[in-house]
């Protein structure tokens, strides 16, 4: 995985192509990549996540995020979730809560992520 620095934060960038992610094991693998780079932020494209990942009621999203943040990592999901949030008040509320805190971010673009980290 590629590492970069965004406004003083070392970030590991999960590539957009590859198998779908969503399990706790996937989160541990990303955390390991972050450990290798001493990264404070893991950046994950929304398109890499399994379709059922963004259904808060099934617990996948919470478990995945917990595995990353418990180790002191921040996580940013980059991509458009507008359609999914329009169809799920639970997801929309989850995204709002996360974006208010800062340990977990949901942004539409890399530029928006950079602005949030500035």
PDB file of N, CA and C in Angstrom:
ATOM      1  N   UNK A   1       0.825  -1.178   0.000  1.00  0.00           N
ATOM      2  CA  UNK A   1       0.000   0.000   0.000  1.00  0.00           C
ATOM      3  C   UNK A   1       0.869   1.242   0.000  1.00  0.00           C
ATOM      4  N   UNK A   2       0.401   2.235  -0.669  1.00  0.00           N
ATOM      5  CA  UNK A   2       1.121   3.505  -0.759  1.00  0.00           C
ATOM      6  C   UNK A   2       0.937   4.303   0.525  1.00  0.00           C
ATOM      7  N   UNK A   3       1.979   4.975   0.938  1.00  0.00           N
ATOM      8  CA  UNK A   3       1.906   5.883   2.069  1.00  0.00           C
ATOM      9  C   UNK A   3       2.229   7.284   1.581  1.00  0.00           C
ATOM     10  N   UNK A   4       1.587   8.252   2.199  1.00  0.00           N
ATOM     11  CA  UNK A   4       1.816   9.654   1.873  1.00  0.00           C
ATOM     12  C   UNK A   4       1.624  10.464   3.139  1.00  0.00           C
ATOM     13  N   UNK A   5       2.005  11.715   3.087  1.00  0.00           N
ATOM     14  CA  UNK A   5       1.777  12.608   4.227  1.00  0.00           C
ATOM     15  C   UNK A   5       0.782  13.676   3.801  1.00  0.00           C
ATOM     16  N   UNK A   6      -0.271  13.816   4.606  1.00  0.00           N
ATOM     17  CA  UNK A   6      -1.304  14.818   4.345  1.00  0.00           C
ATOM     18  C   UNK A   6      -1.332  15.761   5.541  1.00  0.00           C
ATOM     19  N   UNK A   7      -0.881  16.982   5.337  1.00  0.00           N
ATOM     20  CA  UNK A   7      -0.855  17.993   6.406  1.00  0.00           C
ATOM     21  C   UNK A   7      -0.232  17.450   7.689  1.00  0.00           C
ATOM     22  N   UNK A   8       0.908  16.814   7.541  1.00  0.00           N
ATOM     23  CA  UNK A   8       1.649  16.324   8.680  1.00  0.00           C
ATOM     24  C   UNK A   8       1.216  14.968   9.218  1.00  0.00           C
ATOM     25  N   UNK A   9       0.202  14.380   8.634  1.00  0.00           N
ATOM     26  CA  UNK A   9      -0.280  13.064   9.064  1.00  0.00           C
ATOM     27  C   UNK A   9       0.138  12.021   8.055  1.00  0.00           C
ATOM     28  N   UNK A  10       0.849  10.992   8.504  1.00  0.00           N
ATOM     29  CA  UNK A  10       1.205   9.889   7.612  1.00  0.00           C
ATOM     30  C   UNK A  10      -0.055   9.065   7.376  1.00  0.00           C
ATOM     31  N   UNK A  11      -0.361   8.864   6.101  1.00  0.00           N
ATOM     32  CA  UNK A  11      -1.571   8.140   5.716  1.00  0.00           C
ATOM     33  C   UNK A  11      -1.217   6.971   4.812  1.00  0.00           C
ATOM     34  N   UNK A  12      -1.842   5.841   5.063  1.00  0.00           N
ATOM     35  CA  UNK A  12      -1.734   4.686   4.177  1.00  0.00           C
ATOM     36  C   UNK A  12      -2.968   4.705   3.285  1.00  0.00           C
ATOM     37  N   UNK A  13      -2.738   4.626   1.974  1.00  0.00           N
ATOM     38  CA  UNK A  13      -3.817   4.692   0.996  1.00  0.00           C
ATOM     39  C   UNK A  13      -4.127   3.305   0.473  1.00  0.00           C
ATOM     40  N   UNK A  14      -5.287   2.811   0.800  1.00  0.00           N
ATOM     41  CA  UNK A  14      -5.738   1.530   0.273  1.00  0.00           C
ATOM     42  C   UNK A  14      -6.035   1.717  -1.213  1.00  0.00           C
ATOM     43  N   UNK A  15      -5.509   0.869  -2.070  1.00  0.00           N
ATOM     44  CA  UNK A  15      -5.744   1.060  -3.509  1.00  0.00           C
ATOM     45  C   UNK A  15      -7.210   0.855  -3.869  1.00  0.00           C
ATOM     46  N   UNK A  16      -7.677   1.539  -4.910  1.00  0.00           N
ATOM     47  CA  UNK A  16      -9.083   1.420  -5.302  1.00  0.00           C
ATOM     48  C   UNK A  16      -9.448   0.057  -5.884  1.00  0.00           C
ATOM     49  N   UNK A  17      -8.488  -0.639  -6.462  1.00  0.00           N
ATOM     50  CA  UNK A  17      -8.769  -1.952  -7.035  1.00  0.00           C
ATOM     51  C   UNK A  17      -8.411  -3.057  -6.072  1.00  0.00           C
ATOM     52  N   UNK A  18      -9.119  -4.152  -6.194  1.00  0.00           N
ATOM     53  CA  UNK A  18      -8.821  -5.297  -5.340  1.00  0.00           C
ATOM     54  C   UNK A  18     -10.088  -5.899  -4.785  1.00  0.00           C
ATOM     55  N   UNK A  19      -9.934  -6.918  -3.968  1.00  0.00           N
ATOM     56  CA  UNK A  19     -11.115  -7.584  -3.411  1.00  0.00           C
ATOM     57  C   UNK A  19     -11.887  -6.664  -2.467  1.00  0.00           C
ATOM     58  N   UNK A  20     -13.159  -6.946  -2.328  1.00  0.00           N
ATOM     59  CA  UNK A  20     -14.008  -6.187  -1.425  1.00  0.00           C
ATOM     60  C   UNK A  20     -13.554  -6.414   0.013  1.00  0.00           C
ATOM     61  N   UNK A  21     -13.682  -5.375   0.807  1.00  0.00           N
ATOM     62  CA  UNK A  21     -13.271  -5.403   2.212  1.00  0.00           C
ATOM     63  C   UNK A  21     -14.491  -5.248   3.110  1.00  0.00           C
ATOM     64  N   UNK A  22     -14.323  -5.599   4.355  1.00  0.00           N
ATOM     65  CA  UNK A  22     -15.398  -5.365   5.297  1.00  0.00           C
ATOM     66  C   UNK A  22     -15.284  -6.163   6.581  1.00  0.00           C
ATOM     67  N   UNK A  23     -14.488  -7.211   6.575  1.00  0.00           N
ATOM     68  CA  UNK A  23     -14.385  -8.054   7.765  1.00  0.00           C
ATOM     69  C   UNK A  23     -13.409  -7.453   8.773  1.00  0.00           C
ATOM     70  N   UNK A  24     -13.488  -7.956   9.992  1.00  0.00           N
ATOM     71  CA  UNK A  24     -12.527  -7.535  11.005  1.00  0.00           C
ATOM     72  C   UNK A  24     -11.115  -7.936  10.585  1.00  0.00           C
ATOM     73  N   UNK A  25     -10.983  -9.069   9.913  1.00  0.00           N
ATOM     74  CA  UNK A  25      -9.674  -9.509   9.424  1.00  0.00           C
ATOM     75  C   UNK A  25      -9.116  -8.520   8.404  1.00  0.00           C
ATOM     76  N   UNK A  26      -9.989  -7.983   7.545  1.00  0.00           N
ATOM     77  CA  UNK A  26      -9.560  -6.960   6.591  1.00  0.00           C
ATOM     78  C   UNK A  26      -9.059  -5.718   7.328  1.00  0.00           C
ATOM     79  N   UNK A  27      -9.769  -5.336   8.375  1.00  0.00           N
ATOM     80  CA  UNK A  27      -9.357  -4.177   9.163  1.00  0.00           C
ATOM     81  C   UNK A  27      -7.995  -4.420   9.807  1.00  0.00           C
ATOM     82  N   UNK A  28      -7.785  -5.628  10.306  1.00  0.00           N
ATOM     83  CA  UNK A  28      -6.488  -5.958  10.911  1.00  0.00           C
ATOM     84  C   UNK A  28      -5.365  -5.889   9.884  1.00  0.00           C
ATOM     85  N   UNK A  29      -5.651  -6.315   8.655  1.00  0.00           N
ATOM     86  CA  UNK A  29      -4.642  -6.230   7.592  1.00  0.00           C
ATOM     87  C   UNK A  29      -4.307  -4.772   7.288  1.00  0.00           C
ATOM     88  N   UNK A  30      -5.318  -3.921   7.248  1.00  0.00           N
ATOM     89  CA  UNK A  30      -5.075  -2.496   7.018  1.00  0.00           C
ATOM     90  C   UNK A  30      -4.309  -1.882   8.191  1.00  0.00           C
ATOM     91  N   UNK A  31      -4.663  -2.306   9.387  1.00  0.00           N
ATOM     92  CA  UNK A  31      -3.951  -1.821  10.567  1.00  0.00           C
ATOM     93  C   UNK A  31      -2.483  -2.222  10.501  1.00  0.00           C
ATOM     94  N   UNK A  32      -2.214  -3.442  10.045  1.00  0.00           N
ATOM     95  CA  UNK A  32      -0.833  -3.894   9.880  1.00  0.00           C
ATOM     96  C   UNK A  32      -0.077  -3.043   8.879  1.00  0.00           C
ATOM     97  N   UNK A  33      -0.739  -2.697   7.787  1.00  0.00           N
ATOM     98  CA  UNK A  33      -0.110  -1.818   6.796  1.00  0.00           C
ATOM     99  C   UNK A  33       0.178  -0.461   7.410  1.00  0.00           C
ATOM    100  N   UNK A  34      -0.729   0.009   8.233  1.00  0.00           N
ATOM    101  CA  UNK A  34      -0.508   1.272   8.930  1.00  0.00           C
ATOM    102  C   UNK A  34       0.654   1.184   9.890  1.00  0.00           C
ATOM    103  N   UNK A  35       0.771   0.050  10.585  1.00  0.00           N
ATOM    104  CA  UNK A  35       1.886  -0.154  11.511  1.00  0.00           C
ATOM    105  C   UNK A  35       3.222  -0.116  10.774  1.00  0.00           C
ATOM    106  N   UNK A  36       3.272  -0.752   9.611  1.00  0.00           N
ATOM    107  CA  UNK A  36       4.514  -0.791   8.830  1.00  0.00           C
ATOM    108  C   UNK A  36       4.982   0.603   8.428  1.00  0.00           C
ATOM    109  N   UNK A  37       4.036   1.487   8.186  1.00  0.00           N
ATOM    110  CA  UNK A  37       4.372   2.844   7.732  1.00  0.00           C
ATOM    111  C   UNK A  37       4.322   3.865   8.869  1.00  0.00           C
ATOM    112  N   UNK A  38       4.006   3.407  10.072  1.00  0.00           N
ATOM    113  CA  UNK A  38       3.811   4.297  11.220  1.00  0.00           C
ATOM    114  C   UNK A  38       2.780   5.375  10.891  1.00  0.00           C
ATOM    115  N   UNK A  39       1.700   4.933  10.279  1.00  0.00           N
ATOM    116  CA  UNK A  39       0.650   5.842   9.811  1.00  0.00           C
ATOM    117  C   UNK A  39      -0.380   6.110  10.897  1.00  0.00           C
ATOM    118  N   UNK A  40      -0.844   7.331  10.924  1.00  0.00           N
ATOM    119  CA  UNK A  40      -1.905   7.706  11.840  1.00  0.00           C
ATOM    120  C   UNK A  40      -3.271   7.652  11.202  1.00  0.00           C
ATOM    121  N   UNK A  41      -3.307   7.457   9.879  1.00  0.00           N
ATOM    122  CA  UNK A  41      -4.560   7.487   9.134  1.00  0.00           C
ATOM    123  C   UNK A  41      -4.559   6.394   8.079  1.00  0.00           C
ATOM    124  N   UNK A  42      -5.674   5.683   7.995  1.00  0.00           N
ATOM    125  CA  UNK A  42      -5.895   4.699   6.937  1.00  0.00           C
ATOM    126  C   UNK A  42      -6.988   5.262   6.033  1.00  0.00           C
ATOM    127  N   UNK A  43      -6.710   5.372   4.745  1.00  0.00           N
ATOM    128  CA  UNK A  43      -7.657   5.927   3.778  1.00  0.00           C
ATOM    129  C   UNK A  43      -8.184   4.789   2.914  1.00  0.00           C
ATOM    130  N   UNK A  44      -9.507   4.611   2.923  1.00  0.00           N
ATOM    131  CA  UNK A  44     -10.126   3.482   2.233  1.00  0.00           C
ATOM    132  C   UNK A  44     -11.168   3.997   1.239  1.00  0.00           C
ATOM    133  N   UNK A  45     -11.050   3.617  -0.032  1.00  0.00           N
ATOM    134  CA  UNK A  45     -12.078   4.006  -1.003  1.00  0.00           C
ATOM    135  C   UNK A  45     -13.402   3.293  -0.698  1.00  0.00           C
ATOM    136  N   UNK A  46     -14.481   4.031  -0.750  1.00  0.00           N
ATOM    137  CA  UNK A  46     -15.814   3.462  -0.521  1.00  0.00           C
ATOM    138  C   UNK A  46     -16.061   2.284  -1.459  1.00  0.00           C
ATOM    139  N   UNK A  47     -15.575   2.380  -2.684  1.00  0.00           N
ATOM    140  CA  UNK A  47     -15.778   1.324  -3.675  1.00  0.00           C
ATOM    141  C   UNK A  47     -15.135  -0.007  -3.330  1.00  0.00           C
ATOM    142  N   UNK A  48     -14.194  -0.018  -2.397  1.00  0.00           N
ATOM    143  CA  UNK A  48     -13.547  -1.266  -1.979  1.00  0.00           C
ATOM    144  C   UNK A  48     -14.372  -2.036  -0.945  1.00  0.00           C
ATOM    145  N   UNK A  49     -15.351  -1.370  -0.363  1.00  0.00           N
ATOM    146  CA  UNK A  49     -16.095  -1.999   0.719  1.00  0.00           C
ATOM    147  C   UNK A  49     -17.197  -2.904   0.171  1.00  0.00           C
ATOM    148  N   UNK A  50     -17.415  -4.014   0.871  1.00  0.00           N
ATOM    149  CA  UNK A  50     -18.475  -4.954   0.499  1.00  0.00           C
ATOM    150  C   UNK A  50     -19.823  -4.239   0.556  1.00  0.00           C
ATOM    151  N   UNK A  51     -20.756  -4.610  -0.320  1.00  0.00           N
ATOM    152  CA  UNK A  51     -22.058  -3.916  -0.356  1.00  0.00           C
ATOM    153  C   UNK A  51     -22.774  -3.886   0.995  1.00  0.00           C
ATOM    154  N   UNK A  52     -22.683  -4.952   1.750  1.00  0.00           N
ATOM    155  CA  UNK A  52     -23.390  -5.019   3.030  1.00  0.00           C
ATOM    156  C   UNK A  52     -22.667  -4.238   4.138  1.00  0.00           C
ATOM    157  N   UNK A  53     -21.473  -3.745   3.854  1.00  0.00           N
ATOM    158  CA  UNK A  53     -20.683  -3.032   4.850  1.00  0.00           C
ATOM    159  C   UNK A  53     -21.385  -1.787   5.372  1.00  0.00           C
ATOM    160  N   UNK A  54     -22.055  -1.072   4.495  1.00  0.00           N
ATOM    161  CA  UNK A  54     -22.679   0.195   4.872  1.00  0.00           C
ATOM    162  C   UNK A  54     -24.109   0.033   5.376  1.00  0.00           C
ATOM    163  N   UNK A  55     -24.396  -1.091   5.984  1.00  0.00           N
ATOM    164  CA  UNK A  55     -25.687  -1.339   6.643  1.00  0.00           C
ATOM    165  C   UNK A  55     -25.381  -1.367   8.142  1.00  0.00           C
ATOM    166  N   UNK A  56     -25.519  -0.230   8.833  1.00  0.00           N
ATOM    167  CA  UNK A  56     -25.087  -0.168  10.236  1.00  0.00           C
ATOM    168  C   UNK A  56     -25.719  -1.237  11.132  1.00  0.00           C
ATOM    169  N   UNK A  57     -26.907  -1.655  10.791  1.00  0.00           N
ATOM    170  CA  UNK A  57     -27.611  -2.625  11.636  1.00  0.00           C
ATOM    171  C   UNK A  57     -26.910  -3.982  11.707  1.00  0.00           C
ATOM    172  N   UNK A  58     -26.082  -4.325  10.711  1.00  0.00           N
ATOM    173  CA  UNK A  58     -25.436  -5.649  10.742  1.00  0.00           C
ATOM    174  C   UNK A  58     -24.131  -5.667  11.532  1.00  0.00           C
ATOM    175  N   UNK A  59     -23.630  -4.511  11.938  1.00  0.00           N
ATOM    176  CA  UNK A  59     -22.459  -4.450  12.798  1.00  0.00           C
ATOM    177  C   UNK A  59     -21.107  -4.478  12.103  1.00  0.00           C
ATOM    178  N   UNK A  60     -21.086  -4.727  10.788  1.00  0.00           N
ATOM    179  CA  UNK A  60     -19.794  -4.796  10.087  1.00  0.00           C
ATOM    180  C   UNK A  60     -19.022  -3.485  10.172  1.00  0.00           C
ATOM    181  N   UNK A  61     -19.707  -2.398   9.927  1.00  0.00           N
ATOM    182  CA  UNK A  61     -19.072  -1.084   9.923  1.00  0.00           C
ATOM    183  C   UNK A  61     -18.468  -0.781  11.290  1.00  0.00           C
ATOM    184  N   UNK A  62     -19.231  -0.990  12.348  1.00  0.00           N
ATOM    185  CA  UNK A  62     -18.724  -0.738  13.705  1.00  0.00           C
ATOM    186  C   UNK A  62     -17.518  -1.614  14.031  1.00  0.00           C
ATOM    187  N   UNK A  63     -17.600  -2.889  13.715  1.00  0.00           N
ATOM    188  CA  UNK A  63     -16.504  -3.810  14.039  1.00  0.00           C
ATOM    189  C   UNK A  63     -15.232  -3.433  13.281  1.00  0.00           C
ATOM    190  N   UNK A  64     -15.370  -3.097  12.011  1.00  0.00           N
ATOM    191  CA  UNK A  64     -14.235  -2.710  11.172  1.00  0.00           C
ATOM    192  C   UNK A  64     -13.572  -1.454  11.728  1.00  0.00           C
ATOM    193  N   UNK A  65     -14.389  -0.441  11.977  1.00  0.00           N
ATOM    194  CA  UNK A  65     -13.882   0.834  12.479  1.00  0.00           C
ATOM    195  C   UNK A  65     -13.233   0.644  13.848  1.00  0.00           C
ATOM    196  N   UNK A  66     -13.849  -0.157  14.695  1.00  0.00           N
ATOM    197  CA  UNK A  66     -13.313  -0.395  16.035  1.00  0.00           C
ATOM    198  C   UNK A  66     -11.913  -1.014  15.968  1.00  0.00           C
ATOM    199  N   UNK A  67     -11.723  -1.958  15.057  1.00  0.00           N
ATOM    200  CA  UNK A  67     -10.398  -2.597  14.923  1.00  0.00           C
ATOM    201  C   UNK A  67      -9.321  -1.589  14.553  1.00  0.00           C
ATOM    202  N   UNK A  68      -9.672  -0.582  13.778  1.00  0.00           N
ATOM    203  CA  UNK A  68      -8.687   0.424  13.373  1.00  0.00           C
ATOM    204  C   UNK A  68      -8.491   1.489  14.445  1.00  0.00           C
ATOM    205  N   UNK A  69      -9.575   1.999  14.978  1.00  0.00           N
ATOM    206  CA  UNK A  69      -9.459   3.105  15.931  1.00  0.00           C
ATOM    207  C   UNK A  69      -8.954   2.637  17.290  1.00  0.00           C
ATOM    208  N   UNK A  70      -9.214   1.399  17.639  1.00  0.00           N
ATOM    209  CA  UNK A  70      -8.729   0.865  18.913  1.00  0.00           C
ATOM    210  C   UNK A  70      -7.202   0.876  18.967  1.00  0.00           C
ATOM    211  N   UNK A  71      -6.591   0.786  17.818  1.00  0.00           N
ATOM    212  CA  UNK A  71      -5.131   0.801  17.740  1.00  0.00           C
ATOM    213  C   UNK A  71      -4.596   2.229  17.582  1.00  0.00           C
ATOM    214  N   UNK A  72      -5.456   3.217  17.762  1.00  0.00           N
ATOM    215  CA  UNK A  72      -5.018   4.601  17.671  1.00  0.00           C
ATOM    216  C   UNK A  72      -4.967   5.155  16.266  1.00  0.00           C
ATOM    217  N   UNK A  73      -5.516   4.428  15.328  1.00  0.00           N
ATOM    218  CA  UNK A  73      -5.555   4.895  13.940  1.00  0.00           C
ATOM    219  C   UNK A  73      -6.848   5.674  13.686  1.00  0.00           C
ATOM    220  N   UNK A  74      -6.725   6.655  12.809  1.00  0.00           N
ATOM    221  CA  UNK A  74      -7.919   7.296  12.264  1.00  0.00           C
ATOM    222  C   UNK A  74      -8.204   6.601  10.946  1.00  0.00           C
ATOM    223  N   UNK A  75      -9.449   6.636  10.535  1.00  0.00           N
ATOM    224  CA  UNK A  75      -9.819   6.024   9.257  1.00  0.00           C
ATOM    225  C   UNK A  75     -10.698   6.999   8.486  1.00  0.00           C
ATOM    226  N   UNK A  76     -10.435   7.082   7.188  1.00  0.00           N
ATOM    227  CA  UNK A  76     -11.232   7.930   6.299  1.00  0.00           C
ATOM    228  C   UNK A  76     -11.746   7.073   5.156  1.00  0.00           C
ATOM    229  N   UNK A  77     -13.048   7.112   4.965  1.00  0.00           N
ATOM    230  CA  UNK A  77     -13.681   6.452   3.830  1.00  0.00           C
ATOM    231  C   UNK A  77     -13.922   7.530   2.785  1.00  0.00           C
ATOM    232  N   UNK A  78     -13.366   7.323   1.597  1.00  0.00           N
ATOM    233  CA  UNK A  78     -13.434   8.335   0.545  1.00  0.00           C
ATOM    234  C   UNK A  78     -14.309   7.827  -0.594  1.00  0.00           C
ATOM    235  N   UNK A  79     -15.366   8.572  -0.875  1.00  0.00           N
ATOM    236  CA  UNK A  79     -16.273   8.219  -1.952  1.00  0.00           C
ATOM    237  C   UNK A  79     -17.670   8.723  -1.638  1.00  0.00           C
ATOM    238  N   UNK A  80     -18.530   8.639  -2.614  1.00  0.00           N
ATOM    239  CA  UNK A  80     -19.878   9.185  -2.487  1.00  0.00           C
ATOM    240  C   UNK A  80     -20.830   8.156  -1.886  1.00  0.00           C
ATOM    241  N   UNK A  81     -21.372   8.480  -0.732  1.00  0.00           N
ATOM    242  CA  UNK A  81     -22.356   7.626  -0.066  1.00  0.00           C
ATOM    243  C   UNK A  81     -23.751   8.243  -0.085  1.00  0.00           C
ATOM    244  N   UNK A  82     -23.955   9.288  -0.876  1.00  0.00           N
ATOM    245  CA  UNK A  82     -25.222  10.018  -0.855  1.00  0.00           C
ATOM    246  C   UNK A  82     -26.420   9.107  -1.114  1.00  0.00           C
ATOM    247  N   UNK A  83     -26.344   8.245  -2.108  1.00  0.00           N
ATOM    248  CA  UNK A  83     -27.473   7.358  -2.404  1.00  0.00           C
ATOM    249  C   UNK A  83     -27.733   6.392  -1.257  1.00  0.00           C
ATOM    250  N   UNK A  84     -26.678   5.840  -0.696  1.00  0.00           N
ATOM    251  CA  UNK A  84     -26.847   4.909   0.430  1.00  0.00           C
ATOM    252  C   UNK A  84     -27.424   5.620   1.645  1.00  0.00           C
ATOM    253  N   UNK A  85     -26.951   6.842   1.914  1.00  0.00           N
ATOM    254  CA  UNK A  85     -27.459   7.588   3.066  1.00  0.00           C
ATOM    255  C   UNK A  85     -28.906   8.018   2.861  1.00  0.00           C
ATOM    256  N   UNK A  86     -29.271   8.304   1.613  1.00  0.00           N
ATOM    257  CA  UNK A  86     -30.663   8.668   1.335  1.00  0.00           C
ATOM    258  C   UNK A  86     -31.596   7.504   1.628  1.00  0.00           C
ATOM    259  N   UNK A  87     -31.093   6.289   1.480  1.00  0.00           N
ATOM    260  CA  UNK A  87     -31.913   5.112   1.722  1.00  0.00           C
ATOM    261  C   UNK A  87     -31.801   4.550   3.125  1.00  0.00           C
ATOM    262  N   UNK A  88     -30.979   5.169   3.971  1.00  0.00           N
ATOM    263  CA  UNK A  88     -30.770   4.634   5.322  1.00  0.00           C
ATOM    264  C   UNK A  88     -30.551   5.773   6.304  1.00  0.00           C
ATOM    265  N   UNK A  89     -31.556   6.049   7.114  1.00  0.00           N
ATOM    266  CA  UNK A  89     -31.394   7.091   8.130  1.00  0.00           C
ATOM    267  C   UNK A  89     -30.329   6.677   9.149  1.00  0.00           C
ATOM    268  N   UNK A  90     -30.203   5.383   9.397  1.00  0.00           N
ATOM    269  CA  UNK A  90     -29.191   4.911  10.347  1.00  0.00           C
ATOM    270  C   UNK A  90     -27.783   5.215   9.825  1.00  0.00           C
ATOM    271  N   UNK A  91     -27.538   4.966   8.538  1.00  0.00           N
ATOM    272  CA  UNK A  91     -26.221   5.257   7.964  1.00  0.00           C
ATOM    273  C   UNK A  91     -25.965   6.755   7.956  1.00  0.00           C
ATOM    274  N   UNK A  92     -26.955   7.539   7.578  1.00  0.00           N
ATOM    275  CA  UNK A  92     -26.792   8.995   7.559  1.00  0.00           C
ATOM    276  C   UNK A  92     -26.445   9.520   8.951  1.00  0.00           C
ATOM    277  N   UNK A  93     -27.110   8.999   9.978  1.00  0.00           N
ATOM    278  CA  UNK A  93     -26.823   9.422  11.351  1.00  0.00           C
ATOM    279  C   UNK A  93     -25.423   8.990  11.766  1.00  0.00           C
ATOM    280  N   UNK A  94     -25.022   7.793  11.395  1.00  0.00           N
ATOM    281  CA  UNK A  94     -23.685   7.282  11.719  1.00  0.00           C
ATOM    282  C   UNK A  94     -22.613   8.171  11.092  1.00  0.00           C
ATOM    283  N   UNK A  95     -22.776   8.507   9.831  1.00  0.00           N
ATOM    284  CA  UNK A  95     -21.812   9.353   9.122  1.00  0.00           C
ATOM    285  C   UNK A  95     -21.726  10.729   9.784  1.00  0.00           C
ATOM    286  N   UNK A  96     -22.869  11.309  10.137  1.00  0.00           N
ATOM    287  CA  UNK A  96     -22.862  12.623  10.800  1.00  0.00           C
ATOM    288  C   UNK A  96     -22.111  12.559  12.136  1.00  0.00           C
ATOM    289  N   UNK A  97     -22.389  11.528  12.926  1.00  0.00           N
ATOM    290  CA  UNK A  97     -21.712  11.383  14.222  1.00  0.00           C
ATOM    291  C   UNK A  97     -20.204  11.236  14.035  1.00  0.00           C
ATOM    292  N   UNK A  98     -19.812  10.398  13.106  1.00  0.00           N
ATOM    293  CA  UNK A  98     -18.379  10.190  12.860  1.00  0.00           C
ATOM    294  C   UNK A  98     -17.701  11.464  12.399  1.00  0.00           C
ATOM    295  N   UNK A  99     -18.298  12.148  11.458  1.00  0.00           N
ATOM    296  CA  UNK A  99     -17.689  13.355  10.909  1.00  0.00           C
ATOM    297  C   UNK A  99     -17.604  14.472  11.949  1.00  0.00           C
ATOM    298  N   UNK A 100     -18.441  14.420  12.962  1.00  0.00           N
ATOM    299  CA  UNK A 100     -18.382  15.415  14.029  1.00  0.00           C
ATOM    300  C   UNK A 100     -17.221  15.139  14.979  1.00  0.00           C
ATOM    301  N   UNK A 101     -16.781  13.878  15.033  1.00  0.00           N
ATOM    302  CA  UNK A 101     -15.734  13.503  15.979  1.00  0.00           C
ATOM    303  C   UNK A 101     -14.331  13.642  15.439  1.00  0.00           C
ATOM    304  N   UNK A 102     -14.051  13.084  14.294  1.00  0.00           N
ATOM    305  CA  UNK A 102     -12.729  13.204  13.701  1.00  0.00           C
ATOM    306  C   UNK A 102     -11.899  11.942  13.639  1.00  0.00           C
ATOM    307  N   UNK A 103     -12.184  10.929  14.460  1.00  0.00           N
ATOM    308  CA  UNK A 103     -11.413   9.688  14.387  1.00  0.00           C
ATOM    309  C   UNK A 103     -11.807   8.874  13.164  1.00  0.00           C
ATOM    310  N   UNK A 104     -13.046   9.023  12.738  1.00  0.00           N
ATOM    311  CA  UNK A 104     -13.565   8.351  11.542  1.00  0.00           C
ATOM    312  C   UNK A 104     -14.195   9.423  10.674  1.00  0.00           C
ATOM    313  N   UNK A 105     -13.748   9.470   9.430  1.00  0.00           N
ATOM    314  CA  UNK A 105     -14.252  10.481   8.503  1.00  0.00           C
ATOM    315  C   UNK A 105     -14.866   9.822   7.280  1.00  0.00           C
ATOM    316  N   UNK A 106     -15.922  10.411   6.805  1.00  0.00           N
ATOM    317  CA  UNK A 106     -16.539  10.027   5.541  1.00  0.00           C
ATOM    318  C   UNK A 106     -16.516  11.275   4.671  1.00  0.00           C
ATOM    319  N   UNK A 107     -15.763  11.216   3.570  1.00  0.00           N
ATOM    320  CA  UNK A 107     -15.630  12.353   2.671  1.00  0.00           C
ATOM    321  C   UNK A 107     -15.856  11.879   1.237  1.00  0.00           C
ATOM    322  N   UNK A 108     -16.247  12.799   0.387  1.00  0.00           N
ATOM    323  CA  UNK A 108     -16.522  12.417  -1.009  1.00  0.00           C
ATOM    324  C   UNK A 108     -15.261  12.314  -1.848  1.00  0.00           C
ATOM    325  N   UNK A 109     -14.273  13.167  -1.570  1.00  0.00           N
ATOM    326  CA  UNK A 109     -13.082  13.224  -2.425  1.00  0.00           C
ATOM    327  C   UNK A 109     -11.810  13.332  -1.584  1.00  0.00           C
ATOM    328  N   UNK A 110     -10.704  13.056  -2.219  1.00  0.00           N
ATOM    329  CA  UNK A 110      -9.398  13.219  -1.567  1.00  0.00           C
ATOM    330  C   UNK A 110      -9.185  14.679  -1.189  1.00  0.00           C
ATOM    331  N   UNK A 111      -9.642  15.596  -2.032  1.00  0.00           N
ATOM    332  CA  UNK A 111      -9.498  17.020  -1.748  1.00  0.00           C
ATOM    333  C   UNK A 111     -10.267  17.395  -0.473  1.00  0.00           C
ATOM    334  N   UNK A 112     -11.457  16.828  -0.315  1.00  0.00           N
ATOM    335  CA  UNK A 112     -12.247  17.091   0.889  1.00  0.00           C
ATOM    336  C   UNK A 112     -11.523  16.535   2.119  1.00  0.00           C
ATOM    337  N   UNK A 113     -10.908  15.382   1.986  1.00  0.00           N
ATOM    338  CA  UNK A 113     -10.135  14.816   3.089  1.00  0.00           C
ATOM    339  C   UNK A 113      -8.990  15.732   3.456  1.00  0.00           C
ATOM    340  N   UNK A 114      -8.261  16.203   2.467  1.00  0.00           N
ATOM    341  CA  UNK A 114      -7.141  17.099   2.734  1.00  0.00           C
ATOM    342  C   UNK A 114      -7.608  18.368   3.424  1.00  0.00           C
ATOM    343  N   UNK A 115      -8.748  18.894   3.023  1.00  0.00           N
ATOM    344  CA  UNK A 115      -9.289  20.091   3.667  1.00  0.00           C
ATOM    345  C   UNK A 115      -9.672  19.816   5.122  1.00  0.00           C
ATOM    346  N   UNK A 116     -10.213  18.641   5.390  1.00  0.00           N
ATOM    347  CA  UNK A 116     -10.590  18.291   6.775  1.00  0.00           C
ATOM    348  C   UNK A 116      -9.365  18.126   7.666  1.00  0.00           C
ATOM    349  N   UNK A 117      -8.260  17.689   7.101  1.00  0.00           N
ATOM    350  CA  UNK A 117      -7.050  17.468   7.869  1.00  0.00           C
ATOM    351  C   UNK A 117      -6.188  18.725   8.012  1.00  0.00           C
ATOM    352  N   UNK A 118      -6.541  19.773   7.273  1.00  0.00           N
ATOM    353  CA  UNK A 118      -5.746  21.021   7.300  1.00  0.00           C
ATOM    354  C   UNK A 118      -5.850  21.719   8.643  1.00  0.00           C
TER     355      UNK A 118
END
